[in-house]
Amino acid sequence: MVFNVNMKTQKVKVDRTDVIFTVREDRSKLGDLHISKGAVVWFPANAQRGHRVSWRELAAFMEEDGERCETR
């Protein structure tokens, strides 16, 4: 299982333009992750509609369900 994550963006502050990560597993596209100043939206491959969470919801999810593994 190999994941390939690509980012499409210009050198801009995340403001009105989303930062987009395309996520692939092996050669299959899993989806696109859109990051904006207001929220994070996951668009599964070939989906018209995404799944949106606010930054607060994402932080709560990561702290409650995420696995502790890295240090800064």
PDB file of N, CA and C in Angstrom:
ATOM      1  N   MET A   1       0.854  -1.169   0.000  1.00  0.00           N
ATOM      2  CA  MET A   1       0.000   0.000   0.000  1.00  0.00           C
ATOM      3  C   MET A   1       0.901   1.234   0.000  1.00  0.00           C
ATOM      4  N   VAL A   2       0.902   1.957  -1.105  1.00  0.00           N
ATOM      5  CA  VAL A   2       1.714   3.154  -1.249  1.00  0.00           C
ATOM      6  C   VAL A   2       0.778   4.336  -1.436  1.00  0.00           C
ATOM      7  N   PHE A   3       0.954   5.350  -0.610  1.00  0.00           N
ATOM      8  CA  PHE A   3       0.147   6.555  -0.745  1.00  0.00           C
ATOM      9  C   PHE A   3       0.957   7.618  -1.458  1.00  0.00           C
ATOM     10  N   ASN A   4       0.305   8.338  -2.339  1.00  0.00           N
ATOM     11  CA  ASN A   4       0.926   9.431  -3.058  1.00  0.00           C
ATOM     12  C   ASN A   4       0.054  10.650  -2.834  1.00  0.00           C
ATOM     13  N   VAL A   5       0.625  11.699  -2.255  1.00  0.00           N
ATOM     14  CA  VAL A   5      -0.123  12.909  -1.948  1.00  0.00           C
ATOM     15  C   VAL A   5       0.522  14.064  -2.699  1.00  0.00           C
ATOM     16  N   ASN A   6      -0.264  14.742  -3.521  1.00  0.00           N
ATOM     17  CA  ASN A   6       0.222  15.899  -4.274  1.00  0.00           C
ATOM     18  C   ASN A   6      -0.564  17.132  -3.879  1.00  0.00           C
ATOM     19  N   MET A   7       0.088  18.277  -3.921  1.00  0.00           N
ATOM     20  CA  MET A   7      -0.570  19.530  -3.575  1.00  0.00           C
ATOM     21  C   MET A   7      -0.598  20.434  -4.804  1.00  0.00           C
ATOM     22  N   LYS A   8      -1.752  21.042  -5.052  1.00  0.00           N
ATOM     23  CA  LYS A   8      -1.888  22.008  -6.134  1.00  0.00           C
ATOM     24  C   LYS A   8      -2.159  23.369  -5.516  1.00  0.00           C
ATOM     25  N   THR A   9      -1.214  24.285  -5.634  1.00  0.00           N
ATOM     26  CA  THR A   9      -1.415  25.625  -5.087  1.00  0.00           C
ATOM     27  C   THR A   9      -0.364  26.568  -5.639  1.00  0.00           C
ATOM     28  N   GLN A  10      -0.613  27.828  -5.469  1.00  0.00           N
ATOM     29  CA  GLN A  10       0.373  28.848  -5.761  1.00  0.00           C
ATOM     30  C   GLN A  10       0.906  29.331  -4.424  1.00  0.00           C
ATOM     31  N   LYS A  11       1.964  30.102  -4.449  1.00  0.00           N
ATOM     32  CA  LYS A  11       2.482  30.650  -3.198  1.00  0.00           C
ATOM     33  C   LYS A  11       1.572  31.798  -2.763  1.00  0.00           C
ATOM     34  N   VAL A  12       0.537  31.433  -2.001  1.00  0.00           N
ATOM     35  CA  VAL A  12      -0.416  32.418  -1.493  1.00  0.00           C
ATOM     36  C   VAL A  12      -0.823  32.022  -0.087  1.00  0.00           C
ATOM     37  N   LYS A  13      -1.249  32.998   0.663  1.00  0.00           N
ATOM     38  CA  LYS A  13      -1.820  32.738   1.975  1.00  0.00           C
ATOM     39  C   LYS A  13      -3.153  32.021   1.760  1.00  0.00           C
ATOM     40  N   VAL A  14      -3.432  31.021   2.583  1.00  0.00           N
ATOM     41  CA  VAL A  14      -4.721  30.326   2.465  1.00  0.00           C
ATOM     42  C   VAL A  14      -5.792  31.318   2.871  1.00  0.00           C
ATOM     43  N   ASP A  15      -6.508  31.811   1.908  1.00  0.00           N
ATOM     44  CA  ASP A  15      -7.504  32.837   2.151  1.00  0.00           C
ATOM     45  C   ASP A  15      -8.702  32.564   1.268  1.00  0.00           C
ATOM     46  N   ARG A  16      -8.686  33.052   0.058  1.00  0.00           N
ATOM     47  CA  ARG A  16      -9.807  32.838  -0.859  1.00  0.00           C
ATOM     48  C   ARG A  16      -9.563  31.678  -1.808  1.00  0.00           C
ATOM     49  N   THR A  17      -8.342  31.210  -1.871  1.00  0.00           N
ATOM     50  CA  THR A  17      -7.994  30.094  -2.744  1.00  0.00           C
ATOM     51  C   THR A  17      -7.694  28.876  -1.894  1.00  0.00           C
ATOM     52  N   ASP A  18      -8.389  27.768  -2.148  1.00  0.00           N
ATOM     53  CA  ASP A  18      -8.143  26.537  -1.407  1.00  0.00           C
ATOM     54  C   ASP A  18      -6.782  25.953  -1.762  1.00  0.00           C
ATOM     55  N   VAL A  19      -6.173  25.299  -0.802  1.00  0.00           N
ATOM     56  CA  VAL A  19      -5.016  24.448  -1.058  1.00  0.00           C
ATOM     57  C   VAL A  19      -5.591  23.053  -1.274  1.00  0.00           C
ATOM     58  N   ILE A  20      -5.201  22.400  -2.366  1.00  0.00           N
ATOM     59  CA  ILE A  20      -5.804  21.115  -2.729  1.00  0.00           C
ATOM     60  C   ILE A  20      -4.738  20.028  -2.729  1.00  0.00           C
ATOM     61  N   PHE A  21      -5.002  18.972  -1.952  1.00  0.00           N
ATOM     62  CA  PHE A  21      -4.149  17.797  -1.939  1.00  0.00           C
ATOM     63  C   PHE A  21      -4.888  16.672  -2.654  1.00  0.00           C
ATOM     64  N   THR A  22      -4.267  16.085  -3.657  1.00  0.00           N
ATOM     65  CA  THR A  22      -4.813  14.913  -4.325  1.00  0.00           C
ATOM     66  C   THR A  22      -4.157  13.695  -3.690  1.00  0.00           C
ATOM     67  N   VAL A  23      -4.978  12.776  -3.192  1.00  0.00           N
ATOM     68  CA  VAL A  23      -4.472  11.606  -2.463  1.00  0.00           C
ATOM     69  C   VAL A  23      -4.740  10.349  -3.279  1.00  0.00           C
ATOM     70  N   ARG A  24      -3.678   9.590  -3.500  1.00  0.00           N
ATOM     71  CA  ARG A  24      -3.786   8.337  -4.248  1.00  0.00           C
ATOM     72  C   ARG A  24      -3.224   7.201  -3.415  1.00  0.00           C
ATOM     73  N   GLU A  25      -3.823   6.034  -3.540  1.00  0.00           N
ATOM     74  CA  GLU A  25      -3.306   4.814  -2.937  1.00  0.00           C
ATOM     75  C   GLU A  25      -2.907   3.910  -4.085  1.00  0.00           C
ATOM     76  N   ASP A  26      -1.611   3.586  -4.160  1.00  0.00           N
ATOM     77  CA  ASP A  26      -1.059   2.916  -5.328  1.00  0.00           C
ATOM     78  C   ASP A  26      -1.414   3.776  -6.541  1.00  0.00           C
ATOM     79  N   ARG A  27      -2.197   3.293  -7.458  1.00  0.00           N
ATOM     80  CA  ARG A  27      -2.563   4.097  -8.635  1.00  0.00           C
ATOM     81  C   ARG A  27      -4.007   4.576  -8.600  1.00  0.00           C
ATOM     82  N   SER A  28      -4.736   4.210  -7.557  1.00  0.00           N
ATOM     83  CA  SER A  28      -6.145   4.590  -7.451  1.00  0.00           C
ATOM     84  C   SER A  28      -6.294   5.890  -6.673  1.00  0.00           C
ATOM     85  N   LYS A  29      -7.080   6.790  -7.205  1.00  0.00           N
ATOM     86  CA  LYS A  29      -7.332   8.054  -6.524  1.00  0.00           C
ATOM     87  C   LYS A  29      -8.321   7.838  -5.385  1.00  0.00           C
ATOM     88  N   LEU A  30      -7.906   8.223  -4.165  1.00  0.00           N
ATOM     89  CA  LEU A  30      -8.809   8.161  -3.014  1.00  0.00           C
ATOM     90  C   LEU A  30      -9.703   9.384  -2.982  1.00  0.00           C
ATOM     91  N   GLY A  31      -9.143  10.556  -3.304  1.00  0.00           N
ATOM     92  CA  GLY A  31      -9.926  11.774  -3.302  1.00  0.00           C
ATOM     93  C   GLY A  31      -9.063  13.008  -3.237  1.00  0.00           C
ATOM     94  N   ASP A  32      -9.723  14.149  -3.050  1.00  0.00           N
ATOM     95  CA  ASP A  32      -9.059  15.441  -2.939  1.00  0.00           C
ATOM     96  C   ASP A  32      -9.405  16.070  -1.594  1.00  0.00           C
ATOM     97  N   LEU A  33      -8.395  16.597  -0.918  1.00  0.00           N
ATOM     98  CA  LEU A  33      -8.579  17.303   0.342  1.00  0.00           C
ATOM     99  C   LEU A  33      -8.419  18.787   0.068  1.00  0.00           C
ATOM    100  N   HIS A  34      -9.493  19.557   0.286  1.00  0.00           N
ATOM    101  CA  HIS A  34      -9.472  21.006   0.078  1.00  0.00           C
ATOM    102  C   HIS A  34      -9.329  21.680   1.437  1.00  0.00           C
ATOM    103  N   ILE A  35      -8.320  22.510   1.566  1.00  0.00           N
ATOM    104  CA  ILE A  35      -8.072  23.217   2.820  1.00  0.00           C
ATOM    105  C   ILE A  35      -8.261  24.701   2.567  1.00  0.00           C
ATOM    106  N   SER A  36      -9.118  25.321   3.380  1.00  0.00           N
ATOM    107  CA  SER A  36      -9.345  26.757   3.276  1.00  0.00           C
ATOM    108  C   SER A  36      -9.227  27.365   4.658  1.00  0.00           C
ATOM    109  N   LYS A  37      -9.352  28.672   4.732  1.00  0.00           N
ATOM    110  CA  LYS A  37      -9.232  29.303   6.044  1.00  0.00           C
ATOM    111  C   LYS A  37     -10.426  28.985   6.939  1.00  0.00           C
ATOM    112  N   GLY A  38     -11.538  28.533   6.357  1.00  0.00           N
ATOM    113  CA  GLY A  38     -12.727  28.275   7.152  1.00  0.00           C
ATOM    114  C   GLY A  38     -12.987  26.831   7.505  1.00  0.00           C
ATOM    115  N   ALA A  39     -12.459  25.903   6.694  1.00  0.00           N
ATOM    116  CA  ALA A  39     -12.797  24.501   6.911  1.00  0.00           C
ATOM    117  C   ALA A  39     -11.893  23.596   6.084  1.00  0.00           C
ATOM    118  N   VAL A  40     -12.107  22.300   6.282  1.00  0.00           N
ATOM    119  CA  VAL A  40     -11.448  21.262   5.512  1.00  0.00           C
ATOM    120  C   VAL A  40     -12.555  20.443   4.853  1.00  0.00           C
ATOM    121  N   VAL A  41     -12.421  20.172   3.548  1.00  0.00           N
ATOM    122  CA  VAL A  41     -13.451  19.411   2.830  1.00  0.00           C
ATOM    123  C   VAL A  41     -12.780  18.245   2.111  1.00  0.00           C
ATOM    124  N   TRP A  42     -13.312  17.040   2.321  1.00  0.00           N
ATOM    125  CA  TRP A  42     -12.826  15.836   1.654  1.00  0.00           C
ATOM    126  C   TRP A  42     -13.797  15.470   0.546  1.00  0.00           C
ATOM    127  N   PHE A  43     -13.274  15.375  -0.689  1.00  0.00           N
ATOM    128  CA  PHE A  43     -14.059  14.939  -1.839  1.00  0.00           C
ATOM    129  C   PHE A  43     -13.579  13.550  -2.236  1.00  0.00           C
ATOM    130  N   PRO A  44     -14.352  12.500  -1.946  1.00  0.00           N
ATOM    131  CA  PRO A  44     -13.957  11.159  -2.389  1.00  0.00           C
ATOM    132  C   PRO A  44     -13.821  11.137  -3.918  1.00  0.00           C
ATOM    133  N   ALA A  45     -13.046  10.202  -4.424  1.00  0.00           N
ATOM    134  CA  ALA A  45     -12.858  10.084  -5.866  1.00  0.00           C
ATOM    135  C   ALA A  45     -14.203  10.000  -6.576  1.00  0.00           C
ATOM    136  N   ASN A  46     -14.340  10.748  -7.648  1.00  0.00           N
ATOM    137  CA  ASN A  46     -15.539  10.751  -8.501  1.00  0.00           C
ATOM    138  C   ASN A  46     -16.803  11.219  -7.789  1.00  0.00           C
ATOM    139  N   ALA A  47     -16.661  11.951  -6.685  1.00  0.00           N
ATOM    140  CA  ALA A  47     -17.840  12.449  -5.964  1.00  0.00           C
ATOM    141  C   ALA A  47     -18.115  13.899  -6.353  1.00  0.00           C
ATOM    142  N   GLN A  48     -19.360  14.258  -6.426  1.00  0.00           N
ATOM    143  CA  GLN A  48     -19.763  15.630  -6.706  1.00  0.00           C
ATOM    144  C   GLN A  48     -19.808  16.478  -5.437  1.00  0.00           C
ATOM    145  N   ARG A  49     -20.099  15.829  -4.318  1.00  0.00           N
ATOM    146  CA  ARG A  49     -20.243  16.552  -3.054  1.00  0.00           C
ATOM    147  C   ARG A  49     -19.176  16.081  -2.082  1.00  0.00           C
ATOM    148  N   GLY A  50     -18.724  17.031  -1.245  1.00  0.00           N
ATOM    149  CA  GLY A  50     -17.680  16.715  -0.286  1.00  0.00           C
ATOM    150  C   GLY A  50     -18.207  16.572   1.126  1.00  0.00           C
ATOM    151  N   HIS A  51     -17.285  16.264   2.033  1.00  0.00           N
ATOM    152  CA  HIS A  51     -17.576  16.134   3.463  1.00  0.00           C
ATOM    153  C   HIS A  51     -16.797  17.237   4.174  1.00  0.00           C
ATOM    154  N   ARG A  52     -17.520  18.189   4.756  1.00  0.00           N
ATOM    155  CA  ARG A  52     -16.913  19.384   5.339  1.00  0.00           C
ATOM    156  C   ARG A  52     -16.857  19.288   6.845  1.00  0.00           C
ATOM    157  N   VAL A  53     -15.718  19.702   7.420  1.00  0.00           N
ATOM    158  CA  VAL A  53     -15.601  19.855   8.868  1.00  0.00           C
ATOM    159  C   VAL A  53     -14.890  21.170   9.144  1.00  0.00           C
ATOM    160  N   SER A  54     -15.284  21.810  10.215  1.00  0.00           N
ATOM    161  CA  SER A  54     -14.623  23.044  10.620  1.00  0.00           C
ATOM    162  C   SER A  54     -13.271  22.703  11.238  1.00  0.00           C
ATOM    163  N   TRP A  55     -12.442  23.710  11.413  1.00  0.00           N
ATOM    164  CA  TRP A  55     -11.148  23.496  12.046  1.00  0.00           C
ATOM    165  C   TRP A  55     -11.322  22.989  13.472  1.00  0.00           C
ATOM    166  N   ARG A  56     -12.318  23.495  14.193  1.00  0.00           N
ATOM    167  CA  ARG A  56     -12.572  23.023  15.568  1.00  0.00           C
ATOM    168  C   ARG A  56     -12.979  21.548  15.570  1.00  0.00           C
ATOM    169  N   GLU A  57     -13.845  21.155  14.628  1.00  0.00           N
ATOM    170  CA  GLU A  57     -14.274  19.756  14.536  1.00  0.00           C
ATOM    171  C   GLU A  57     -13.101  18.849  14.179  1.00  0.00           C
ATOM    172  N   LEU A  58     -12.238  19.313  13.282  1.00  0.00           N
ATOM    173  CA  LEU A  58     -11.073  18.526  12.903  1.00  0.00           C
ATOM    174  C   LEU A  58     -10.122  18.363  14.087  1.00  0.00           C
ATOM    175  N   ALA A  59      -9.899  19.448  14.827  1.00  0.00           N
ATOM    176  CA  ALA A  59      -9.018  19.381  16.001  1.00  0.00           C
ATOM    177  C   ALA A  59      -9.572  18.407  17.037  1.00  0.00           C
ATOM    178  N   ALA A  60     -10.877  18.478  17.299  1.00  0.00           N
ATOM    179  CA  ALA A  60     -11.497  17.566  18.275  1.00  0.00           C
ATOM    180  C   ALA A  60     -11.378  16.121  17.815  1.00  0.00           C
ATOM    181  N   PHE A  61     -11.640  15.861  16.531  1.00  0.00           N
ATOM    182  CA  PHE A  61     -11.528  14.505  15.999  1.00  0.00           C
ATOM    183  C   PHE A  61     -10.102  13.975  16.145  1.00  0.00           C
ATOM    184  N   MET A  62      -9.124  14.779  15.764  1.00  0.00           N
ATOM    185  CA  MET A  62      -7.735  14.330  15.827  1.00  0.00           C
ATOM    186  C   MET A  62      -7.294  14.063  17.263  1.00  0.00           C
ATOM    187  N   GLU A  63      -7.715  14.916  18.188  1.00  0.00           N
ATOM    188  CA  GLU A  63      -7.325  14.735  19.584  1.00  0.00           C
ATOM    189  C   GLU A  63      -8.016  13.540  20.227  1.00  0.00           C
ATOM    190  N   GLU A  64      -9.257  13.261  19.838  1.00  0.00           N
ATOM    191  CA  GLU A  64     -10.009  12.147  20.421  1.00  0.00           C
ATOM    192  C   GLU A  64      -9.722  10.820  19.735  1.00  0.00           C
ATOM    193  N   ASP A  65      -9.634  10.838  18.401  1.00  0.00           N
ATOM    194  CA  ASP A  65      -9.532   9.583  17.656  1.00  0.00           C
ATOM    195  C   ASP A  65      -8.172   9.333  17.007  1.00  0.00           C
ATOM    196  N   GLY A  66      -7.361  10.367  16.916  1.00  0.00           N
ATOM    197  CA  GLY A  66      -6.069  10.213  16.278  1.00  0.00           C
ATOM    198  C   GLY A  66      -5.075   9.493  17.168  1.00  0.00           C
ATOM    199  N   GLU A  67      -4.119   8.855  16.541  1.00  0.00           N
ATOM    200  CA  GLU A  67      -3.081   8.123  17.286  1.00  0.00           C
ATOM    201  C   GLU A  67      -1.893   9.044  17.520  1.00  0.00           C
ATOM    202  N   ARG A  68      -1.443   9.132  18.766  1.00  0.00           N
ATOM    203  CA  ARG A  68      -0.261   9.951  19.066  1.00  0.00           C
ATOM    204  C   ARG A  68       0.963   9.244  18.530  1.00  0.00           C
ATOM    205  N   CYS A  69       1.744   9.964  17.715  1.00  0.00           N
ATOM    206  CA  CYS A  69       2.881   9.271  17.110  1.00  0.00           C
ATOM    207  C   CYS A  69       4.052  10.172  16.780  1.00  0.00           C
ATOM    208  N   GLU A  70       3.839  11.447  16.648  1.00  0.00           N
ATOM    209  CA  GLU A  70       4.927  12.306  16.202  1.00  0.00           C
ATOM    210  C   GLU A  70       5.190  13.443  17.179  1.00  0.00           C
ATOM    211  N   THR A  71       6.417  13.932  17.143  1.00  0.00           N
ATOM    212  CA  THR A  71       6.781  15.103  17.934  1.00  0.00           C
ATOM    213  C   THR A  71       7.242  16.203  16.992  1.00  0.00           C
ATOM    214  N   ARG A  72       7.204  17.423  17.472  1.00  0.00           N
ATOM    215  CA  ARG A  72       7.721  18.533  16.673  1.00  0.00           C
ATOM    216  C   ARG A  72       8.994  19.004  17.278  1.00  0.00           C
TER     217      ARG A  72
END
